[in-house]
Each structure stands twice: as C-alpha cells, then as structure tokens.
C-alpha cells in the first residue's frame, strides 16, 4: 500500500502570507498607539480581508478540531492536519499584526495565543480610549494659539496635525471650521487680517488662506524691519 504524503503534518505557510509578511511595513506605514487606533484598524482589517485572512478574527474561518475522529479500527486519535494548517496560518497572522504595533501596544498583547485573542485585546485596550482622545484633540484644537516664536507655516502645520489626528478617529472637520480655528488662534497683530477675511464675500479655501497668511506675515516682517531702522540709527547718533 502506498503511504499517504506527510506534508499535511508539516504545514507550510502560503506564498500570499509570506508576501504579506515581507511587505506589511509598506502596506501599513503607521504603528498602532493610543492616538491612531481607528486608522490602524481600518488599514489592517482591509488588508486582512483582501488576503482572506480576516476569517481567523471574525470566526468565519474557525479553528478545526485538534484531533481526528476515533477510527473504527482503533482507539488512538491522530492530530488533525487541518488543525495544524490553521494553527500555522494563525501564528503567521499574529506575527503579521505584531509587526504593525508600537512597542507599547506590543507589550500589551504579549502572550496572546491566537490572532483573535490578540485582536480583541487591542480592541478592548484602544477603542475605550478613542472617545477621550477625540475630546482631548478637539479641545486642543479649539484652544490652539500661534506662539510669538513660530512662523505661519509652523502654526498651520500644528493645526493640520490635529485635523489629521481627528480624521484618523473618523472625525472630519469642514473647511469653514478649520478656517475659524486658524483665525481664532492668531495674535492681536493679525486683527485687521482676521476682520478682512471674515467680511470677505464668497468662500475661501484653506490653501488660499494659507497663502494670504504667508503674505501678511511677510508684510508685517518688512514693516517691523522698517520701523526698527530709526531706532538703530538713533543708537549710533546719540543726542
């Protein structure tokens, strides 16, 4: 009698899984931490579904029985090769998910015995923080002010960083709202500029606002330099 091949007892990882493992850092450029769970979950779950791996997590691809049914010719049970294959894939999936975690997130899931357990641990840890993160980010954006030492580029970059973090938490702000926050955070020296923007007819894009702010900053810098000339000359020509 020809013996059955033993490849099933030594399960191999599919080529698609190996490819995904090697390229996951490019496919998911962020690392999960306390600020980006919604964005991370969207990216990772989309990839796992595209490669037909999400069944390990949502139980549409449950773990097969560990042992084969007892044979009618004997009482010794054997390890189910489908179980070994599933286990191999699941461990590869754990490795894949771990690669997308920050060091703090990874420390939280050490010891997870399955990809589903790992996923649920992350969900429990970070989804509870999402609402508080949104409130913190929104509050910070509302109270953000341009400091005397930063340029308009630096100031608007800080605003964009908060807007992007809120977007990652599925909170999208309208352009008008971002424009209001930007204007409200400007110092008193920009009072005339704020008034001109608010009384302007027609809508203004964020890109146009940024261009106008840069122009206003340049004008104010030149004016300050001109005003400083008499003071500098007086220092060299005392009365």
Protein backbone atom coordinates (compact mmCIF):
# COMPACT_ATOMS: atom_id res chain seq x y z
CA UNK A 1 0.00 0.00 0.00
CA UNK A 2 1.26 3.43 -0.90
CA UNK A 3 1.60 5.56 2.19
CA UNK A 4 -0.13 8.93 2.32
CA UNK A 5 2.06 12.01 1.94
CA UNK A 6 3.11 13.52 5.23
CA UNK A 7 3.16 17.14 4.03
CA UNK A 8 -0.04 17.82 5.94
CA UNK A 9 1.77 17.09 9.23
CA UNK A 10 4.33 19.74 8.37
CA UNK A 11 2.12 22.63 7.25
CA UNK A 12 3.59 25.32 5.08
CA UNK A 13 2.68 28.99 5.02
CA UNK A 14 1.06 30.08 1.73
CA UNK A 15 3.05 32.28 -0.60
CA UNK A 16 0.47 35.07 -0.22
CA UNK A 17 1.05 35.09 3.54
CA UNK A 18 4.81 35.19 3.13
CA UNK A 19 4.48 38.09 0.70
CA UNK A 20 2.22 39.98 3.07
CA UNK A 21 4.63 39.41 5.96
CA UNK A 22 7.51 40.78 3.92
CA UNK A 23 5.59 43.84 2.71
CA UNK A 24 3.37 44.70 5.68
CA UNK A 25 5.51 47.68 6.74
CA UNK A 26 4.93 49.29 3.35
CA UNK A 27 1.23 48.46 3.31
CA UNK A 28 0.69 49.77 6.86
CA UNK A 29 3.10 52.69 7.37
CA UNK A 30 1.76 53.59 10.83
CA UNK A 31 2.33 51.75 14.11
CA UNK A 32 -0.61 51.35 16.46
CA UNK A 33 -0.51 53.54 19.55
CA UNK A 34 -3.03 55.37 21.73
CA UNK A 35 -3.68 58.06 19.10
CA UNK A 36 -4.43 56.17 15.88
CA UNK A 37 -6.49 53.05 16.64
CA UNK A 38 -9.32 53.86 14.21
CA UNK A 39 -6.95 54.48 11.31
CA UNK A 40 -4.83 51.42 12.18
CA UNK A 41 -7.88 49.16 12.44
CA UNK A 42 -9.21 50.36 9.09
CA UNK A 43 -5.91 49.76 7.30
CA UNK A 44 -5.09 46.39 8.85
CA UNK A 45 -8.60 44.92 8.62
CA UNK A 46 -8.87 45.99 4.97
CA UNK A 47 -5.61 44.21 4.16
CA UNK A 48 -6.56 41.06 6.06
CA UNK A 49 -9.91 40.91 4.26
CA UNK A 50 -8.25 41.45 0.89
CA UNK A 51 -5.97 38.46 1.55
CA UNK A 52 -8.80 36.33 3.04
CA UNK A 53 -7.19 36.22 6.50
CA UNK A 54 -9.87 38.04 8.49
CA UNK A 55 -11.83 34.81 8.99
CA UNK A 56 -9.40 33.91 11.78
CA UNK A 57 -10.56 37.01 13.65
CA UNK A 58 -14.32 37.11 12.96
CA UNK A 59 -14.74 33.32 13.27
CA UNK A 60 -15.82 32.78 9.67
CA UNK A 61 -12.74 30.56 9.49
CA UNK A 62 -12.88 28.84 12.90
CA UNK A 63 -10.24 26.56 14.30
CA UNK A 64 -10.80 22.93 13.22
CA UNK A 65 -10.85 20.14 15.82
CA UNK A 66 -7.37 19.31 17.06
CA UNK A 67 -7.85 15.55 16.70
CA UNK A 68 -9.39 13.41 14.01
CA UNK A 69 -12.44 11.33 14.98
CA UNK A 70 -11.63 7.95 16.51
CA UNK A 71 -11.11 5.29 13.90
CA UNK A 72 -13.40 2.29 13.92
CA UNK A 73 -10.28 0.13 13.72
CA UNK A 74 -8.51 1.61 16.71
CA UNK A 75 -8.79 3.88 19.70
CA UNK A 76 -5.82 6.17 19.15
CA UNK A 77 -6.74 9.61 17.84
CA UNK A 78 -4.47 11.46 15.48
CA UNK A 79 -3.73 15.16 15.11
CA UNK A 80 -5.98 16.75 12.51
CA UNK A 81 -3.78 18.06 9.65
CA UNK A 82 -6.33 20.82 9.02
CA UNK A 83 -5.83 21.96 12.61
CA UNK A 84 -2.06 22.10 12.11
CA UNK A 85 -2.52 24.09 8.91
CA UNK A 86 -4.92 26.51 10.58
CA UNK A 87 -2.59 26.93 13.57
CA UNK A 88 0.35 27.66 11.28
CA UNK A 89 -1.64 30.33 9.45
CA UNK A 90 -2.87 31.84 12.71
CA UNK A 91 0.64 32.13 14.14
CA UNK A 92 1.73 33.81 10.91
CA UNK A 93 -1.19 36.21 11.31
CA UNK A 94 -0.11 37.03 14.87
CA UNK A 95 3.37 37.81 13.58
CA UNK A 96 1.91 39.99 10.86
CA UNK A 97 -0.26 42.02 13.26
CA UNK A 98 2.58 42.36 15.77
CA UNK A 99 4.68 43.98 13.05
CA UNK A 100 2.18 46.85 12.85
CA UNK A 101 2.25 47.62 16.59
CA UNK A 102 4.22 50.20 18.52
CA UNK A 103 6.34 48.93 21.41
CA UNK A 104 3.69 49.99 23.93
CA UNK A 105 0.92 48.19 22.03
CA UNK A 106 3.06 45.09 21.57
CA UNK A 107 3.76 44.90 25.30
CA UNK A 108 0.01 44.82 25.92
CA UNK A 109 -0.63 41.70 23.81
CA UNK A 110 2.36 39.57 24.80
CA UNK A 111 1.11 36.05 25.46
CA UNK A 112 -1.90 36.15 23.12
CA UNK A 113 -2.47 32.57 21.96
CA UNK A 114 -4.46 33.37 18.81
CA UNK A 115 -4.90 36.19 16.35
CA UNK A 116 -8.50 36.63 17.52
CA UNK A 117 -7.43 36.95 21.16
CA UNK A 118 -4.76 39.44 20.15
CA UNK A 119 -7.23 41.47 18.09
CA UNK A 120 -9.82 41.57 20.87
CA UNK A 121 -7.17 42.65 23.39
CA UNK A 122 -6.19 45.57 21.18
CA UNK A 123 -9.84 46.47 20.62
CA UNK A 124 -10.53 46.46 24.36
CA UNK A 125 -7.40 48.50 25.09
CA UNK A 126 -7.70 51.19 22.45
CA UNK A 127 -11.36 51.55 21.46
CA UNK A 128 -12.15 52.69 25.01
CA UNK A 129 -9.59 55.46 24.57
CA UNK A 130 -10.94 56.68 21.25
CA UNK A 131 -13.69 58.91 22.66
CA UNK A 132 -11.40 60.51 25.24
CA UNK A 133 -8.76 61.04 22.55
CA UNK A 134 -11.32 62.77 20.34
CA UNK A 135 -12.35 65.08 23.18
CA UNK A 136 -8.72 65.88 24.01
CA UNK A 137 -7.84 66.59 20.37
CA UNK A 138 -10.94 68.72 19.83
CA UNK A 139 -10.26 70.73 22.98
CA UNK A 140 -6.62 71.24 22.00
CA UNK A 141 -7.64 72.44 18.54
CA UNK A 142 -10.20 74.89 19.96
CA UNK A 143 -7.61 76.44 22.30
CA UNK A 144 -4.60 76.34 19.97
CA UNK A 145 -2.82 79.70 19.65
CA UNK A 146 0.04 80.86 17.46
CA UNK A 147 3.10 81.47 19.63
CA UNK A 148 5.30 84.55 19.07
CA UNK A 149 8.28 82.39 18.11
CA UNK A 150 6.63 80.25 15.42
CA UNK A 151 6.08 81.09 11.78
CA UNK A 152 2.77 80.86 9.94
CA UNK A 153 3.99 77.63 8.34
CA UNK A 154 4.72 76.11 11.74
CA UNK A 155 1.39 77.32 13.14
CA UNK A 156 -0.69 75.94 10.28
CA UNK A 157 1.27 72.68 10.42
CA UNK A 158 0.24 72.27 14.06
CA UNK A 159 -3.38 72.83 13.11
CA UNK A 160 -3.12 70.29 10.30
CA UNK A 161 -1.63 67.73 12.69
CA UNK A 162 -4.70 67.99 14.96
CA UNK A 163 -7.07 67.86 11.98
CA UNK A 164 -5.31 64.75 10.65
CA UNK A 165 -5.49 63.02 14.04
CA UNK A 166 -9.21 63.75 14.27
CA UNK A 167 -9.67 62.44 10.74
CA UNK A 168 -7.88 59.26 11.81
CA UNK A 169 -10.54 58.91 14.51
CA UNK A 170 -13.28 59.30 11.86
CA UNK A 171 -13.99 62.92 12.81
CA UNK A 172 -13.96 65.11 9.71
CA UNK A 173 -13.99 68.88 10.07
CA UNK A 174 -15.47 71.15 7.43
CA UNK A 175 -13.13 73.68 5.83
CA UNK A 176 -15.11 76.50 7.44
CA UNK A 177 -14.49 75.06 10.90
CA UNK A 178 -10.76 74.71 10.30
CA UNK A 179 -10.67 78.26 8.94
CA UNK A 180 -12.37 79.58 12.11
CA UNK A 181 -9.90 77.74 14.37
CA UNK A 182 -6.99 79.10 12.33
CA UNK A 183 -8.21 82.69 12.56
CA UNK A 184 -9.09 82.46 16.25
CA UNK A 185 -5.59 81.31 17.12
CA UNK A 186 -3.86 84.29 15.53
CA UNK A 187 -2.40 87.00 17.81
CA UNK A 188 -3.74 90.55 18.09
CA UNK A 189 -1.34 91.78 15.41
CA UNK A 190 -3.48 89.90 12.87
CA UNK A 191 -6.72 91.62 13.96
CA UNK A 192 -7.12 93.58 10.73
CA UNK A 193 -6.38 90.44 8.71
CA UNK A 194 -9.00 88.44 10.61
CA UNK A 195 -11.57 91.14 10.02
CA UNK A 196 -10.85 91.28 6.30
CA UNK A 197 -11.24 87.51 5.95
CA UNK A 198 -14.46 87.37 7.96
CA UNK A 199 -16.07 90.20 6.00
CA UNK A 200 -14.91 88.86 2.66
CA UNK A 201 -17.64 87.80 0.25
CA UNK A 202 -17.51 84.27 -1.07
CA UNK A 203 -15.83 81.16 0.26
CA UNK A 204 -12.10 80.86 0.80
CA UNK A 205 -10.16 77.61 0.61
CA UNK A 206 -7.63 76.56 3.23
CA UNK A 207 -4.88 76.76 0.62
CA UNK A 208 -5.85 80.33 -0.22
CA UNK A 209 -6.00 81.25 3.47
CA UNK A 210 -2.51 79.85 3.96
CA UNK A 211 -1.19 81.88 1.02
CA UNK A 212 -2.80 85.06 2.37
CA UNK A 213 -1.39 84.41 5.84
CA UNK A 214 2.12 83.96 4.44
CA UNK A 215 1.74 87.22 2.52
CA UNK A 216 0.50 89.03 5.63
CA UNK A 217 3.37 87.62 7.68
CA UNK A 218 5.88 88.84 5.08
CA UNK A 219 4.31 92.32 5.04
CA UNK A 220 4.38 92.54 8.84
CA UNK A 221 8.01 91.40 8.96
CA UNK A 222 9.05 94.06 6.44
CA UNK A 223 7.11 96.74 8.33
CA UNK A 224 8.79 95.77 11.59
CA UNK A 225 12.20 95.98 9.92
CA UNK A 226 11.48 99.47 8.57
CA UNK A 227 10.25 100.66 11.97
CA UNK A 228 13.44 99.38 13.56
CA UNK A 229 15.72 101.48 11.32
CA UNK A 230 15.23 104.85 13.14
CA UNK A 231 15.84 103.17 16.48
CA UNK A 232 19.05 101.59 15.22
CA UNK A 233 20.24 104.90 13.75
CA UNK A 234 19.50 106.74 16.99
CA UNK A 235 21.70 104.28 18.84
CA UNK A 236 24.65 105.27 16.63
CA UNK A 237 23.88 109.01 16.82
CA UNK A 238 23.06 109.89 20.40
CA UNK A 239 21.70 113.42 21.01
